[in-house]
Protein backbone atom coordinates (compact mmCIF):
# COMPACT_ATOMS: atom_id res chain seq x y z
CA UNK A 1 5.80 -17.95 19.53
CA UNK A 2 3.00 -16.92 17.19
CA UNK A 3 3.02 -13.68 14.88
CA UNK A 4 0.29 -12.24 17.33
CA UNK A 5 2.73 -12.35 20.29
CA UNK A 6 5.57 -10.40 18.61
CA UNK A 7 6.92 -7.54 21.05
CA UNK A 8 6.25 -4.03 20.30
CA UNK A 9 8.03 -0.84 21.25
CA UNK A 10 6.69 0.26 24.65
CA UNK A 11 5.59 3.73 23.34
CA UNK A 12 3.21 1.96 20.96
CA UNK A 13 1.86 -0.61 23.25
CA UNK A 14 0.79 2.41 25.50
CA UNK A 15 -1.40 3.98 22.91
CA UNK A 16 -4.92 4.22 24.34
CA UNK A 17 -7.76 2.88 22.47
CA UNK A 18 -10.89 3.98 24.32
CA UNK A 19 -14.34 2.33 24.43
CA UNK A 20 -17.25 3.76 22.43
CA UNK A 21 -19.19 3.71 25.84
CA UNK A 22 -16.85 6.37 27.10
CA UNK A 23 -17.69 8.93 24.28
CA UNK A 24 -19.00 12.01 26.07
CA UNK A 25 -19.78 14.37 23.29
CA UNK A 26 -22.45 12.73 21.20
CA UNK A 27 -25.84 11.72 22.63
CA UNK A 28 -25.46 8.53 20.21
CA UNK A 29 -22.32 7.34 22.30
CA UNK A 30 -20.55 6.52 19.07
CA UNK A 31 -16.82 7.50 18.33
CA UNK A 32 -13.84 7.74 20.26
CA UNK A 33 -13.15 9.68 23.44
CA UNK A 34 -11.81 13.30 23.82
CA UNK A 35 -8.72 11.50 25.28
CA UNK A 36 -8.09 9.91 22.04
CA UNK A 37 -8.65 13.09 19.81
CA UNK A 38 -5.12 13.87 19.47
CA UNK A 39 -4.22 10.44 18.69
CA UNK A 40 -5.61 11.07 15.19
CA UNK A 41 -4.07 14.29 14.47
CA UNK A 42 -5.49 17.67 14.86
CA UNK A 43 -7.30 19.89 11.97
CA UNK A 44 -8.91 23.38 11.92
CA UNK A 45 -12.08 23.25 9.68
CA UNK A 46 -14.55 25.90 10.94
CA UNK A 47 -18.16 25.22 9.65
CA UNK A 48 -21.51 27.21 10.34
CA UNK A 49 -23.25 24.32 12.15
CA UNK A 50 -24.20 24.43 15.75
CA UNK A 51 -21.06 25.16 17.89
CA UNK A 52 -21.17 21.78 20.00
CA UNK A 53 -20.62 19.75 16.85
CA UNK A 54 -17.39 21.44 15.75
CA UNK A 55 -15.02 19.28 17.58
CA UNK A 56 -16.65 16.02 16.40
CA UNK A 57 -16.69 17.38 12.84
CA UNK A 58 -12.82 18.08 12.91
CA UNK A 59 -12.32 14.63 14.48
CA UNK A 60 -13.99 13.18 11.49
CA UNK A 61 -12.16 15.18 9.15
CA UNK A 62 -8.79 14.23 10.91
CA UNK A 63 -9.92 10.34 10.51
CA UNK A 64 -10.61 10.98 6.73
CA UNK A 65 -7.01 12.22 6.22
CA UNK A 66 -5.83 8.89 7.64
CA UNK A 67 -8.34 6.82 5.77
CA UNK A 68 -10.07 5.82 8.83
CA UNK A 69 -13.27 6.10 7.02
CA UNK A 70 -15.29 3.87 9.11
CA UNK A 71 -14.71 5.80 12.38
CA UNK A 72 -14.98 9.05 10.37
CA UNK A 73 -18.39 7.82 9.06
CA UNK A 74 -19.48 7.54 12.80
CA UNK A 75 -18.31 11.00 13.65
CA UNK A 76 -20.36 12.62 10.66
CA UNK A 77 -23.43 10.61 11.43
CA UNK A 78 -23.25 11.76 14.98
CA UNK A 79 -23.00 15.39 13.85
CA UNK A 80 -25.87 14.90 11.48
CA UNK A 81 -28.07 13.62 14.36
CA UNK A 82 -27.15 16.41 16.55
CA UNK A 83 -27.60 18.95 13.85
CA UNK A 84 -29.83 17.84 11.12
CA UNK A 85 -29.67 21.14 9.40
CA UNK A 86 -25.67 20.68 9.03
CA UNK A 87 -25.02 20.55 5.40
CA UNK A 88 -21.28 19.68 5.93
CA UNK A 89 -22.05 16.82 8.09
CA UNK A 90 -23.61 15.33 4.81
CA UNK A 91 -20.50 16.24 2.77
CA UNK A 92 -18.25 14.42 5.39
CA UNK A 93 -20.56 11.35 5.09
CA UNK A 94 -20.22 11.37 1.33
CA UNK A 95 -16.42 11.77 1.54
CA UNK A 96 -16.21 8.74 3.21
CA UNK A 97 -17.48 6.99 0.34
CA UNK A 98 -14.46 8.05 -1.70
CA UNK A 99 -11.40 6.02 -1.25
CA UNK A 100 -8.83 6.80 -3.36
CA UNK A 101 -5.74 4.46 -3.54
CA UNK A 102 -7.91 1.77 -2.49
CA UNK A 103 -11.00 0.60 -4.37
CA UNK A 104 -11.88 4.15 -5.60
CA UNK A 105 -15.79 4.50 -5.99
CA UNK A 106 -17.59 1.21 -6.35
CA UNK A 107 -21.08 1.74 -7.82
CA UNK A 108 -22.79 1.14 -4.58
CA UNK A 109 -20.99 3.54 -2.78
CA UNK A 110 -21.33 6.13 -5.56
CA UNK A 111 -24.91 5.93 -5.20
CA UNK A 112 -24.63 6.42 -1.24
CA UNK A 113 -22.47 9.28 -1.80
CA UNK A 114 -24.94 10.88 -4.38
CA UNK A 115 -27.67 10.68 -2.01
CA UNK A 116 -25.44 12.06 0.81
CA UNK A 117 -24.03 14.94 -1.24
CA UNK A 118 -27.40 15.91 -2.82
CA UNK A 119 -28.91 16.26 0.78
CA UNK A 120 -25.93 18.40 1.55
CA UNK A 121 -26.84 20.77 -1.32
CA UNK A 122 -30.44 20.73 -0.35
CA UNK A 123 -29.51 21.99 3.08
CA UNK A 124 -28.77 25.17 1.76
CA UNK A 125 -25.10 25.54 3.14
CA UNK A 126 -24.68 28.91 4.89
CA UNK A 127 -21.28 30.03 3.66
CA UNK A 128 -19.80 30.32 0.10
CA UNK A 129 -16.92 28.10 1.28
CA UNK A 130 -19.02 25.42 2.30
CA UNK A 131 -21.13 25.60 -0.78
CA UNK A 132 -17.84 25.27 -2.73
CA UNK A 133 -16.76 22.24 -0.75
CA UNK A 134 -19.90 20.66 -1.58
CA UNK A 135 -20.24 21.44 -5.18
CA UNK A 136 -16.67 20.19 -5.82
CA UNK A 137 -17.61 16.81 -4.32
CA UNK A 138 -21.02 16.73 -5.94
CA UNK A 139 -19.67 17.32 -9.40
CA UNK A 140 -17.20 14.26 -8.69
CA UNK A 141 -19.86 12.05 -7.59
CA UNK A 142 -22.38 12.84 -10.36
CA UNK A 143 -19.58 12.50 -13.04
CA UNK A 144 -19.32 9.66 -15.63
CA UNK A 145 -17.45 6.73 -14.01
CA UNK A 146 -15.72 5.97 -17.30
CA UNK A 147 -13.99 9.43 -17.02
CA UNK A 148 -12.84 8.86 -13.59
CA UNK A 149 -9.45 10.57 -14.29
CA UNK A 150 -10.71 13.66 -15.48
CA UNK A 151 -13.36 13.84 -12.71
CA UNK A 152 -10.85 13.43 -10.08
CA UNK A 153 -8.55 16.21 -11.70
CA UNK A 154 -11.61 18.47 -11.82
CA UNK A 155 -12.18 17.87 -8.04
CA UNK A 156 -8.42 18.61 -7.28
CA UNK A 157 -8.81 21.77 -9.54
CA UNK A 158 -11.77 23.04 -7.69
CA UNK A 159 -10.08 22.37 -4.34
CA UNK A 160 -7.03 24.35 -5.58
CA UNK A 161 -9.16 27.35 -6.40
CA UNK A 162 -10.64 27.21 -2.94
CA UNK A 163 -7.30 27.43 -1.30
CA UNK A 164 -6.05 30.06 -3.87
CA UNK A 165 -9.30 32.16 -2.75
CA UNK A 166 -8.31 31.70 0.86
CA UNK A 167 -4.84 30.65 1.76
CA UNK A 168 -5.68 30.22 5.21
CA UNK A 169 -7.87 27.24 4.42
CA UNK A 170 -5.57 24.46 5.16
CA UNK A 171 -7.96 21.74 4.66
CA UNK A 172 -8.75 22.92 0.87
CA UNK A 173 -5.01 22.71 0.52
CA UNK A 174 -4.57 19.20 1.96
CA UNK A 175 -7.71 18.10 -0.42
CA UNK A 176 -6.06 19.82 -3.33
CA UNK A 177 -2.84 17.62 -2.75
CA UNK A 178 -4.86 14.48 -2.37
CA UNK A 179 -6.93 15.00 -5.44
CA UNK A 180 -3.64 15.57 -7.49
CA UNK A 181 -2.18 12.28 -5.94
CA UNK A 182 -5.27 10.29 -6.71
CA UNK A 183 -5.33 11.50 -10.17
CA UNK A 184 -1.52 10.62 -10.61
CA UNK A 185 -2.51 7.10 -9.20
CA UNK A 186 -4.69 6.56 -12.18
CA UNK A 187 -2.20 7.93 -14.84
CA UNK A 188 -1.38 4.94 -17.09
CA UNK A 189 1.05 7.09 -19.31
CA UNK A 190 3.23 9.14 -17.15
CA UNK A 191 2.46 8.83 -13.41
CA UNK A 192 5.94 9.88 -12.21
CA UNK A 193 5.25 13.35 -13.77
CA UNK A 194 1.98 13.62 -12.45
CA UNK A 195 3.22 12.47 -8.83
CA UNK A 196 5.74 15.25 -9.16
CA UNK A 197 2.86 17.62 -9.72
CA UNK A 198 1.22 16.29 -6.62
CA UNK A 199 4.51 16.82 -4.65
CA UNK A 200 4.55 20.30 -5.82
CA UNK A 201 1.33 20.98 -3.62
CA UNK A 202 1.82 18.51 -1.02
CA UNK A 203 5.54 19.41 0.06
CA UNK A 204 4.88 22.92 0.78
CA UNK A 205 1.84 21.98 2.52
CA UNK A 206 3.87 19.47 4.76
CA UNK A 207 6.72 22.09 5.23
CA UNK A 208 4.13 24.95 6.64
CA UNK A 209 1.94 22.41 8.48
CA UNK A 210 4.10 19.40 9.63
CA UNK A 211 1.68 18.19 12.29
CA UNK A 212 -1.18 18.01 9.70
CA UNK A 213 -2.31 14.26 9.30
CA UNK A 214 -3.15 14.80 5.48
CA UNK A 215 0.05 16.33 3.83
CA UNK A 216 2.27 13.54 5.62
CA UNK A 217 0.06 10.74 4.36
CA UNK A 218 -0.43 11.90 0.79
CA UNK A 219 3.12 12.42 0.40
CA UNK A 220 3.73 8.67 1.31
CA UNK A 221 1.09 7.72 -1.12
CA UNK A 222 2.46 9.73 -3.98
CA UNK A 223 6.10 8.75 -3.59
CA UNK A 224 5.22 5.00 -3.02
CA UNK A 225 7.49 4.05 -5.85
CA UNK A 226 11.22 3.44 -6.36
CA UNK A 227 11.94 6.55 -8.12
CA UNK A 228 10.29 8.95 -5.49
CA UNK A 229 10.59 7.00 -2.27
CA UNK A 230 13.55 8.95 -0.76
CA UNK A 231 11.85 12.27 -0.97
CA UNK A 232 8.96 11.16 1.35
CA UNK A 233 11.29 9.84 4.04
CA UNK A 234 10.83 13.06 6.39
CA UNK A 235 7.03 12.39 5.99
CA UNK A 236 7.40 8.79 6.72
CA UNK A 237 9.37 9.39 9.93
CA UNK A 238 6.64 12.00 11.01
CA UNK A 239 3.41 10.44 10.15
CA UNK A 240 3.01 7.82 12.64
CA UNK A 241 3.48 10.14 15.65
CA UNK A 242 0.80 12.57 14.10
CA UNK A 243 -1.90 9.94 14.20
CA UNK A 244 -0.82 7.03 16.27
CA UNK A 245 -4.15 5.81 17.17
CA UNK A 246 -4.73 4.98 13.50
CA UNK A 247 -3.52 1.62 12.43
CA UNK A 248 -3.37 2.77 8.84
CA UNK A 249 -1.21 5.95 10.04
CA UNK A 250 1.11 3.55 11.73
CA UNK A 251 1.66 1.20 8.75
CA UNK A 252 1.99 3.89 6.04
CA UNK A 253 5.35 4.78 6.86
CA UNK A 254 6.32 1.22 6.09
CA UNK A 255 5.42 1.88 2.47
CA UNK A 256 8.58 4.06 2.25
CA UNK A 257 10.71 2.00 4.62
CA UNK A 258 10.22 -1.01 2.36
CA UNK A 259 11.02 1.06 -1.03
CA UNK A 260 14.45 2.14 0.69
CA UNK A 261 15.31 -1.45 2.23
CA UNK A 262 14.88 0.03 5.86
CA UNK A 263 13.57 -3.50 6.91
CA UNK A 264 13.89 -3.05 10.59
CA UNK A 265 12.06 0.33 10.67
CA UNK A 266 9.34 -1.26 8.32
CA UNK A 267 9.04 -4.21 10.85
CA UNK A 268 8.62 -1.99 13.78
CA UNK A 269 6.02 0.14 12.22
CA UNK A 270 3.86 -2.67 11.02
CA UNK A 271 4.14 -4.34 14.33
CA UNK A 272 2.77 -1.09 15.73
CA UNK A 273 -0.09 -1.24 13.14
CA UNK A 274 -1.00 -4.83 13.98
CA UNK A 275 -1.33 -3.75 17.68
CA UNK A 276 -3.53 -0.75 17.05
CA UNK A 277 -5.70 -3.02 14.80
CA UNK A 278 -5.94 -5.58 17.68
CA UNK A 279 -6.67 -2.71 20.22
CA UNK A 280 -9.47 -1.55 17.83
CA UNK A 281 -10.96 -4.76 17.70
CA UNK A 282 -10.96 -5.04 21.46
CA UNK A 283 -12.83 -1.77 21.87
CA UNK A 284 -15.03 -2.47 19.16
CA UNK A 285 -13.93 0.25 16.72
CA UNK A 286 -13.96 -0.27 12.95
CA UNK A 287 -10.98 -0.53 10.49
CA UNK A 288 -9.47 -3.60 12.15
CA UNK A 289 -8.90 -5.38 8.94
CA UNK A 290 -5.99 -3.03 8.17
CA UNK A 291 -3.93 -5.74 10.12
CA UNK A 292 -3.96 -7.80 7.02
CA UNK A 293 -1.89 -5.06 5.04
CA UNK A 294 0.40 -4.61 8.04
CA UNK A 295 1.17 -8.34 8.03
CA UNK A 296 1.61 -8.29 4.31
CA UNK A 297 4.53 -5.92 4.84
CA UNK A 298 5.73 -7.68 7.75
CA UNK A 299 6.04 -11.01 5.65
CA UNK A 300 7.87 -9.13 2.90
CA UNK A 301 10.44 -7.50 5.39
CA UNK A 302 11.09 -10.68 7.24
CA UNK A 303 11.79 -12.48 3.85
CA UNK A 304 14.23 -9.77 2.88
CA UNK A 305 16.23 -10.22 6.15
CA UNK A 306 16.18 -14.02 5.65
CA UNK A 307 14.02 -14.35 8.81
CA UNK A 308 12.01 -17.25 7.22
CA UNK A 309 10.59 -18.47 10.69
CA UNK A 310 8.60 -15.47 11.29
CA UNK A 311 7.63 -14.98 7.48
CA UNK A 312 6.57 -18.63 7.60
CA UNK A 313 4.39 -18.05 10.76
CA UNK A 314 2.76 -15.12 9.00
CA UNK A 315 1.90 -17.48 5.90
CA UNK A 316 0.50 -20.30 8.32
CA UNK A 317 -1.66 -17.72 10.13
CA UNK A 318 -3.13 -15.89 7.12
CA UNK A 319 -6.47 -18.26 7.23
CA UNK A 320 -6.89 -18.34 10.89
CA UNK A 321 -6.64 -14.36 10.73
CA UNK A 322 -9.28 -14.24 8.07
CA UNK A 323 -11.58 -16.55 9.76
CA UNK A 324 -11.21 -14.26 13.05
CA UNK A 325 -11.81 -11.31 11.08
CA UNK A 326 -14.87 -12.70 9.14
CA UNK A 327 -16.53 -13.50 12.69
CA UNK A 328 -16.55 -9.74 13.48
CA UNK A 329 -19.88 -8.15 12.88
CA UNK A 330 -20.02 -5.80 9.97
CA UNK A 331 -16.47 -6.74 8.62
CA UNK A 332 -17.76 -6.82 5.26
CA UNK A 333 -17.80 -3.14 5.16
CA UNK A 334 -14.63 -2.66 6.91
CA UNK A 335 -11.47 -1.14 5.15
CA UNK A 336 -9.28 -3.60 3.62
CA UNK A 337 -11.51 -6.77 4.33
CA UNK A 338 -12.33 -6.67 0.54
CA UNK A 339 -8.96 -8.00 -0.14
CA UNK A 340 -8.92 -11.17 1.86
CA UNK A 341 -8.70 -13.38 -1.22
CA UNK A 342 -5.88 -11.25 -2.30
CA UNK A 343 -3.92 -11.86 0.65
CA UNK A 344 -4.76 -15.52 0.77
CA UNK A 345 -2.93 -15.81 -2.63
CA UNK A 346 -0.52 -13.16 -2.32
CA UNK A 347 1.11 -14.39 1.16
CA UNK A 348 2.15 -17.94 0.13
CA UNK A 349 3.18 -16.73 -3.50
CA UNK A 350 5.37 -14.32 -2.27
CA UNK A 351 6.89 -16.67 0.46
CA UNK A 352 7.66 -19.22 -1.98
CA UNK A 353 8.83 -17.14 -4.97
CA UNK A 354 11.25 -15.32 -2.85
CA UNK A 355 12.67 -18.86 -1.52
CA UNK A 356 12.84 -20.36 -4.89
CA UNK A 357 10.38 -22.99 -4.12
CA UNK A 358 8.79 -23.16 -7.64
CA UNK A 359 6.66 -26.17 -7.00
CA UNK A 360 5.18 -24.99 -3.95
CA UNK A 361 3.88 -21.84 -6.05
CA UNK A 362 2.44 -24.08 -8.54
CA UNK A 363 0.58 -25.88 -5.81
CA UNK A 364 -1.10 -23.00 -4.41
CA UNK A 365 -4.89 -23.27 -4.89
CA UNK A 366 -7.32 -20.29 -5.69
CA UNK A 367 -9.41 -19.45 -2.55
CA UNK A 368 -13.02 -19.45 -2.24
CA UNK A 369 -14.83 -16.23 -4.01
CA UNK A 370 -11.70 -14.78 -5.02
CA UNK A 371 -11.44 -11.21 -6.55
CA UNK A 372 -10.44 -11.27 -10.02
CA UNK A 373 -7.04 -9.81 -9.25
CA UNK A 374 -6.41 -12.27 -6.71
CA UNK A 375 -6.66 -14.93 -9.54
CA UNK A 376 -4.49 -12.81 -11.68
CA UNK A 377 -1.97 -12.47 -9.03
CA UNK A 378 -1.79 -16.23 -8.68
CA UNK A 379 -1.37 -16.81 -12.34
CA UNK A 380 1.34 -14.17 -12.35
CA UNK A 381 3.07 -16.04 -9.73
CA UNK A 382 2.76 -19.49 -11.48
CA UNK A 383 4.07 -18.13 -14.53
CA UNK A 384 7.31 -17.31 -12.97
CA UNK A 385 7.67 -20.48 -11.37
CA UNK A 386 6.94 -22.42 -14.32
CA UNK A 387 9.40 -20.69 -16.43
CA UNK A 388 12.05 -21.12 -13.61
CA UNK A 389 11.03 -24.75 -13.95
CA UNK A 390 10.89 -24.82 -17.72
CA UNK A 391 7.55 -26.28 -17.51
CA UNK A 392 5.92 -25.32 -20.71
CA UNK A 393 2.57 -26.68 -20.11
CA UNK A 394 1.92 -24.86 -16.49
CA UNK A 395 3.42 -21.65 -18.05
CA UNK A 396 0.74 -21.87 -21.22
CA UNK A 397 -2.10 -22.44 -18.55
CA UNK A 398 -0.93 -19.45 -16.48
CA UNK A 399 -0.93 -17.32 -19.43
CA UNK A 400 -4.18 -18.40 -20.82
CA UNK A 401 -5.97 -18.00 -17.45
CA UNK A 402 -4.39 -14.48 -17.12
CA UNK A 403 -5.31 -13.40 -20.58
CA UNK A 404 -8.93 -14.30 -20.09
CA UNK A 405 -9.35 -12.02 -17.11
CA UNK A 406 -6.79 -9.30 -18.22
CA UNK A 407 -9.41 -6.55 -18.91
CA UNK A 408 -11.37 -7.28 -15.86
CA UNK A 409 -8.40 -7.00 -13.68
CA UNK A 410 -7.33 -3.55 -15.26
CA UNK A 411 -10.57 -2.35 -14.34
CA UNK A 412 -10.75 -3.45 -10.70
CA UNK A 413 -8.17 -1.20 -9.17
CA UNK A 414 -6.09 -3.55 -7.16
CA UNK A 415 -2.29 -3.21 -6.46
CA UNK A 416 -1.49 -5.46 -9.46
CA UNK A 417 -3.72 -3.67 -11.68
CA UNK A 418 -1.73 -0.55 -11.52
CA UNK A 419 0.98 -2.25 -13.52
CA UNK A 420 -1.13 -4.81 -15.33
CA UNK A 421 0.96 -4.44 -18.71
CA UNK A 422 4.15 -4.79 -17.03
CA UNK A 423 3.23 -7.85 -15.39
CA UNK A 424 1.52 -9.45 -18.32
CA UNK A 425 4.97 -9.06 -20.21
CA UNK A 426 6.71 -10.55 -17.43
CA UNK A 427 4.34 -13.55 -17.50
CA UNK A 428 5.09 -13.86 -21.25
CA UNK A 429 8.72 -13.66 -20.80
CA UNK A 430 8.80 -16.86 -18.29
CA UNK A 431 6.31 -18.51 -20.81
CA UNK A 432 9.04 -18.05 -23.48
CA UNK A 433 11.70 -19.09 -21.14
CA UNK A 434 9.61 -22.23 -20.26
CA UNK A 435 9.45 -23.23 -24.08
CA UNK A 436 13.44 -22.44 -24.36
CA UNK A 437 12.89 -19.37 -26.31
CA UNK A 438 15.33 -17.59 -24.48
CA UNK A 439 16.05 -14.45 -26.62
CA UNK A 440 12.40 -13.67 -26.86
CA UNK A 441 12.21 -14.13 -23.03
CA UNK A 442 14.77 -11.92 -22.29
CA UNK A 443 13.58 -9.23 -24.68
CA UNK A 444 9.85 -9.51 -22.97
CA UNK A 445 11.36 -9.16 -19.45
CA UNK A 446 13.65 -6.17 -20.48
CA UNK A 447 10.70 -4.35 -21.60
CA UNK A 448 8.74 -5.16 -18.58
CA UNK A 449 11.70 -3.96 -16.43
CA UNK A 450 11.91 -0.63 -18.53
CA UNK A 451 8.18 -0.12 -18.31
CA UNK A 452 8.05 -0.78 -14.55
CA UNK A 453 11.18 1.68 -14.29
CA UNK A 454 9.10 4.41 -16.07
CA UNK A 455 5.63 3.98 -14.25
CA UNK A 456 6.66 2.88 -10.82
CA UNK A 457 6.52 -0.65 -9.13
CA UNK A 458 3.77 -2.12 -7.13
CA UNK A 459 4.30 -2.74 -3.29
CA UNK A 460 5.23 -5.98 -2.02
CA UNK A 461 6.63 -7.17 -5.34
CA UNK A 462 9.52 -8.83 -7.00
CA UNK A 463 11.13 -6.14 -9.25
CA UNK A 464 10.93 -7.19 -13.07
CA UNK A 465 14.40 -5.88 -13.25
CA UNK A 466 15.79 -8.33 -10.67
CA UNK A 467 14.13 -10.93 -12.37
CA UNK A 468 15.77 -9.85 -15.94
CA UNK A 469 19.16 -10.12 -13.90
CA UNK A 470 18.37 -13.59 -12.85
CA UNK A 471 17.41 -14.69 -16.22
CA UNK A 472 20.70 -13.28 -17.70
CA UNK A 473 22.60 -15.11 -14.99
CA UNK A 474 20.84 -18.48 -15.64
CA UNK A 475 21.48 -17.99 -19.28
CA UNK A 476 25.17 -17.78 -18.57
CA UNK A 477 25.73 -14.04 -19.13
CA UNK A 478 26.82 -12.88 -15.72
CA UNK A 479 28.41 -9.62 -16.79
CA UNK A 480 25.10 -8.37 -18.10
CA UNK A 481 23.12 -9.81 -15.07
CA UNK A 482 25.64 -7.80 -12.75
CA UNK A 483 24.80 -4.65 -14.34
CA UNK A 484 21.12 -5.39 -14.10
CA UNK A 485 21.32 -6.22 -10.52
CA UNK A 486 22.97 -2.97 -9.69
CA UNK A 487 19.94 -1.12 -11.28
CA UNK A 488 17.64 -3.28 -9.58
CA UNK A 489 19.31 -2.65 -6.19
CA UNK A 490 19.53 1.00 -6.85
CA UNK A 491 15.56 1.04 -7.41
CA UNK A 492 14.72 -1.60 -4.54
CA UNK A 493 17.73 -1.57 -2.10
CA UNK A 494 18.63 -4.33 0.27
CA UNK A 495 16.52 -7.02 -1.17
CA UNK A 496 17.97 -10.45 -0.18
CA UNK A 497 17.88 -11.98 -3.61
CA UNK A 498 19.13 -8.81 -5.39
CA UNK A 499 22.35 -9.00 -3.31
CA UNK A 500 22.77 -12.60 -3.50
CA UNK A 501 22.40 -12.42 -7.28
CA UNK A 502 24.61 -9.59 -7.70
CA UNK A 503 27.40 -11.18 -5.60
CA UNK A 504 27.16 -14.25 -7.55
CA UNK A 505 27.22 -12.39 -10.91
CA UNK A 506 30.36 -10.50 -9.59
CA UNK A 507 31.99 -13.72 -8.71
CA UNK A 508 31.48 -15.28 -11.95
CA UNK A 509 33.16 -12.40 -13.98
CA UNK A 510 35.70 -12.09 -11.51
CA UNK A 511 34.85 -8.94 -9.80
CA UNK A 512 35.99 -10.45 -6.27
CA UNK A 513 35.88 -7.21 -4.39
CA UNK A 514 32.41 -6.44 -5.79
CA UNK A 515 31.25 -9.99 -4.75
CA UNK A 516 32.93 -9.43 -1.46
CA UNK A 517 30.93 -5.99 -0.87
CA UNK A 518 27.57 -7.91 -2.05
CA UNK A 519 28.00 -10.93 -0.01
CA UNK A 520 29.18 -8.90 3.10
CA UNK A 521 25.91 -6.66 2.80
CA UNK A 522 23.75 -9.85 2.64
CA UNK A 523 25.35 -11.06 5.76
CA UNK A 524 24.64 -8.00 7.59
CA UNK A 525 21.13 -7.82 6.25
CA UNK A 526 20.52 -11.43 7.88
CA UNK A 527 22.44 -10.78 10.90
CA UNK A 528 25.38 -12.99 9.81
CA UNK A 529 22.76 -15.52 8.66
CA UNK A 530 21.60 -16.16 12.22
CA UNK A 531 17.86 -16.30 11.19
CA UNK A 532 18.29 -17.97 7.79
CA UNK A 533 19.00 -21.30 6.65
CA UNK A 534 18.89 -20.29 2.76
CA UNK A 535 21.82 -21.82 0.52
CA UNK A 536 22.73 -18.17 -0.37
CA UNK A 537 23.83 -17.45 3.07
CA UNK A 538 25.98 -20.31 3.17
CA UNK A 539 27.51 -19.38 -0.23
CA UNK A 540 28.20 -15.95 1.30
CA UNK A 541 30.09 -17.40 4.18
CA UNK A 542 31.95 -19.75 2.15
CA UNK A 543 33.06 -17.09 -0.39
CA UNK A 544 34.12 -14.53 2.29
CA UNK A 545 35.90 -17.40 4.27
CA UNK A 546 37.83 -18.42 1.12
CA UNK A 547 38.91 -14.80 0.45
CA UNK A 548 40.04 -14.36 3.86
CA UNK A 549 42.69 -17.19 3.43
């Protein structure tokens, strides 16, 4: 059985995905049908344009809230074609150029956005509210790109002022929260405090408007770190039902489920997301490259359950999947397709790192035409593997390669860019370890873990705190390792290697009841090891059998 034949929940499999040709509301024939309107969520956003474009305009805004930018763009383009004087259609087109939490605002899209928002302003919007929406986005698009954090915050403040002026304007409320959350994601010093500021807006919005697609979505992004994840669980449990036609909306709860170690729930929503992407491709909708992100989370979840068979299938299928996506017309402008080289590196790296196959990590080749962050991710993985192997030469090479592109990665905006300093400390630690400078290595890795605990941890990652515990255990310091494993498991629950390491450390210091608890959790996580042939499962069974005698 291949990963593309995995069973889905029947309710998800029944999601309709209607052909563009069935669209009845626009003369262009673009978009999705009226039947699918409720499947992307419902918003109320009155505009002064022709009455017949109100529904497609609101559909476009609902899609914006689920980051379905490609299909939202079709809706706004259809509105502009049907009512050329509609300034808010141009605002909508410009909004699709700004993609916070992804790649932000590359120069090409910024230029397109400026052209669109300037046209919106030139169309003389008819209401003060519309003029303020357009002015806020125009100020952002015309801002100095080197001052992006300030500009995003200014945009958020403008949306906040709009909502204060008219508390009934739910969309201004939602975009205010989005702006604050986007600004927090760019804060290198104290992102958790900034996240809490965003939550102070988003949580009341979600409580007042639980069926709105924006609030639930932005709460998940804001809480996508170990420190805040549990606060987003109600939003995660709700969001997929709000916009089940969106592959991204189906996937996003997985961010919180993964943070909380809820692997079965994580697997279910990402299987559903893959199915939605496949349906989108079948019906010639855009945004199908989201399936790569869903498979990324599926791979990680399967590894935590010890289900290496399904994990291996995903790794083996990544190149055929990317070839399949590459053959789709226009895919280069589609959602997550930009990150194909990142996935080509990340999938095998995570698979082999989690399974402690260090030589296999060193053998991973760079893909053709990689993003700079793809190369950096590979060097990060190779530094870790080289450290475990005490291979000083390989560790030195990985560090030299990483250092040569450090500044470029920090500016790129990829997942690993968000924790660039912590990852470099991790690499330096494993380089020291490879050189048998164990004291220096432990100090570096402890610092990396402290920083990651403070600023948050990237998705689909191996926690620095867990690696610190691994190094302590390997260095013959099981009592200290046990303490670090406990902290790591508190922040990243139900990780296979965290539980296995904690059990082994507890056993070595004679804390047999604790060892029993951790090994028992590991066996429950892996369905009593039925799906896993890893030695940690055999060790758990042997320990528990011995204790039962």
